[in-house]
C-alpha atoms as a PDB file:
ATOM      1  CA  MET A   1      82.281  43.471-108.553  1.00  0.00           C
ATOM      2  CA  SER A   2      83.720  46.631-107.074  1.00  0.00           C
ATOM      3  CA  LEU A   3      80.163  47.690-105.958  1.00  0.00           C
ATOM      4  CA  LEU A   4      79.825  44.437-103.909  1.00  0.00           C
ATOM      5  CA  SER A   5      83.284  45.077-102.437  1.00  0.00           C
ATOM      6  CA  ASP A   6      82.329  48.708-101.640  1.00  0.00           C
ATOM      7  CA  GLN A   7      79.375  47.365 -99.626  1.00  0.00           C
ATOM      8  CA  GLY A   8      81.523  44.823 -97.792  1.00  0.00           C
ATOM      9  CA  MET A   9      80.009  41.942 -99.686  1.00  0.00           C
ATOM     10  CA  ASP A  10      83.255  40.286-100.710  1.00  0.00           C
ATOM     11  CA  ASP A  11      81.846  36.843 -99.753  1.00  0.00           C
ATOM     12  CA  VAL A  12      79.115  36.835-102.359  1.00  0.00           C
ATOM     13  CA  ILE A  13      79.428  34.204-105.075  1.00  0.00           C
ATOM     14  CA  VAL A  14      78.582  35.708-108.471  1.00  0.00           C
ATOM     15  CA  VAL A  15      77.755  33.291-111.329  1.00  0.00           C
ATOM     16  CA  VAL A  16      76.512  34.025-114.920  1.00  0.00           C
ATOM     17  CA  GLY A  17      74.769  31.904-117.347  1.00  0.00           C
ATOM     18  CA  GLY A  18      73.546  31.887-120.908  1.00  0.00           C
ATOM     19  CA  ILE A  19      75.142  32.054-124.213  1.00  0.00           C
ATOM     20  CA  ILE A  20      78.469  33.513-123.311  1.00  0.00           C
ATOM     21  CA  PRO A  21      81.137  33.228-126.058  1.00  0.00           C
ATOM     22  CA  GLU A  22      84.239  31.287-124.978  1.00  0.00           C
ATOM     23  CA  VAL A  23      86.463  34.283-125.608  1.00  0.00           C
ATOM     24  CA  ASP A  24      84.464  36.194-122.955  1.00  0.00           C
ATOM     25  CA  ARG A  25      84.605  33.551-120.205  1.00  0.00           C
ATOM     26  CA  GLN A  26      88.092  34.184-118.867  1.00  0.00           C
ATOM     27  CA  PRO A  27      87.754  37.950-118.860  1.00  0.00           C
ATOM     28  CA  LEU A  28      84.576  37.535-116.809  1.00  0.00           C
ATOM     29  CA  LYS A  29      86.413  35.249-114.388  1.00  0.00           C
ATOM     30  CA  ASP A  30      89.248  37.850-114.218  1.00  0.00           C
ATOM     31  CA  LEU A  31      86.627  40.372-113.074  1.00  0.00           C
ATOM     32  CA  GLY A  32      85.666  38.186-110.211  1.00  0.00           C
ATOM     33  CA  ILE A  33      82.822  35.977-111.627  1.00  0.00           C
ATOM     34  CA  SER A  34      83.011  32.637-109.925  1.00  0.00           C
ATOM     35  CA  GLU A  35      81.751  30.591-112.828  1.00  0.00           C
ATOM     36  CA  VAL A  36      80.216  30.840-116.236  1.00  0.00           C
ATOM     37  CA  PHE A  37      77.503  28.276-116.957  1.00  0.00           C
ATOM     38  CA  GLY A  38      76.535  27.723-120.618  1.00  0.00           C
ATOM     39  CA  PRO A  39      73.439  26.407-122.276  1.00  0.00           C
ATOM     40  CA  GLY A  40      72.632  22.896-121.237  1.00  0.00           C
ATOM     41  CA  THR A  41      74.244  23.125-117.847  1.00  0.00           C
ATOM     42  CA  THR A  42      72.213  21.053-115.480  1.00  0.00           C
ATOM     43  CA  THR A  43      70.659  22.517-112.365  1.00  0.00           C
ATOM     44  CA  THR A  44      72.470  19.799-110.424  1.00  0.00           C
ATOM     45  CA  SER A  45      75.843  20.951-111.702  1.00  0.00           C
ATOM     46  CA  ILE A  46      75.057  24.591-110.754  1.00  0.00           C
ATOM     47  CA  VAL A  47      73.889  23.541-107.299  1.00  0.00           C
ATOM     48  CA  GLU A  48      76.968  21.485-106.776  1.00  0.00           C
ATOM     49  CA  PHE A  49      79.290  24.190-107.773  1.00  0.00           C
ATOM     50  CA  ILE A  50      77.577  26.748-105.407  1.00  0.00           C
ATOM     51  CA  GLY A  51      77.625  24.285-102.652  1.00  0.00           C
ATOM     52  CA  GLN A  52      81.297  23.440-103.064  1.00  0.00           C
ATOM     53  CA  SER A  53      82.052  27.201-103.313  1.00  0.00           C
ATOM     54  CA  VAL A  54      80.210  27.957-100.122  1.00  0.00           C
ATOM     55  CA  HIS A  55      81.975  25.007 -98.444  1.00  0.00           C
ATOM     56  CA  ASP A  56      85.395  26.211 -99.685  1.00  0.00           C
ATOM     57  CA  ARG A  57      84.844  29.796 -98.593  1.00  0.00           C
ATOM     58  CA  ALA A  58      83.741  28.698 -95.078  1.00  0.00           C
ATOM     59  CA  GLY A  59      86.940  26.728 -94.713  1.00  0.00           C
ATOM     60  CA  SER A  60      85.062  23.651 -93.722  1.00  0.00           C
END
């Protein structure tokens, strides 16, 4: 995340997905990951999350 910040890209939404153990999810978020999507997450859920995140960051 610091590399993004160093490049002035603080507005980038970073998400991860896959088989991420529950114990690792909060540390990832603490590092700046916006969301962790596990197996079975629908594409619709991911798109909705990203859409809402963009909306929230835009302040609209």
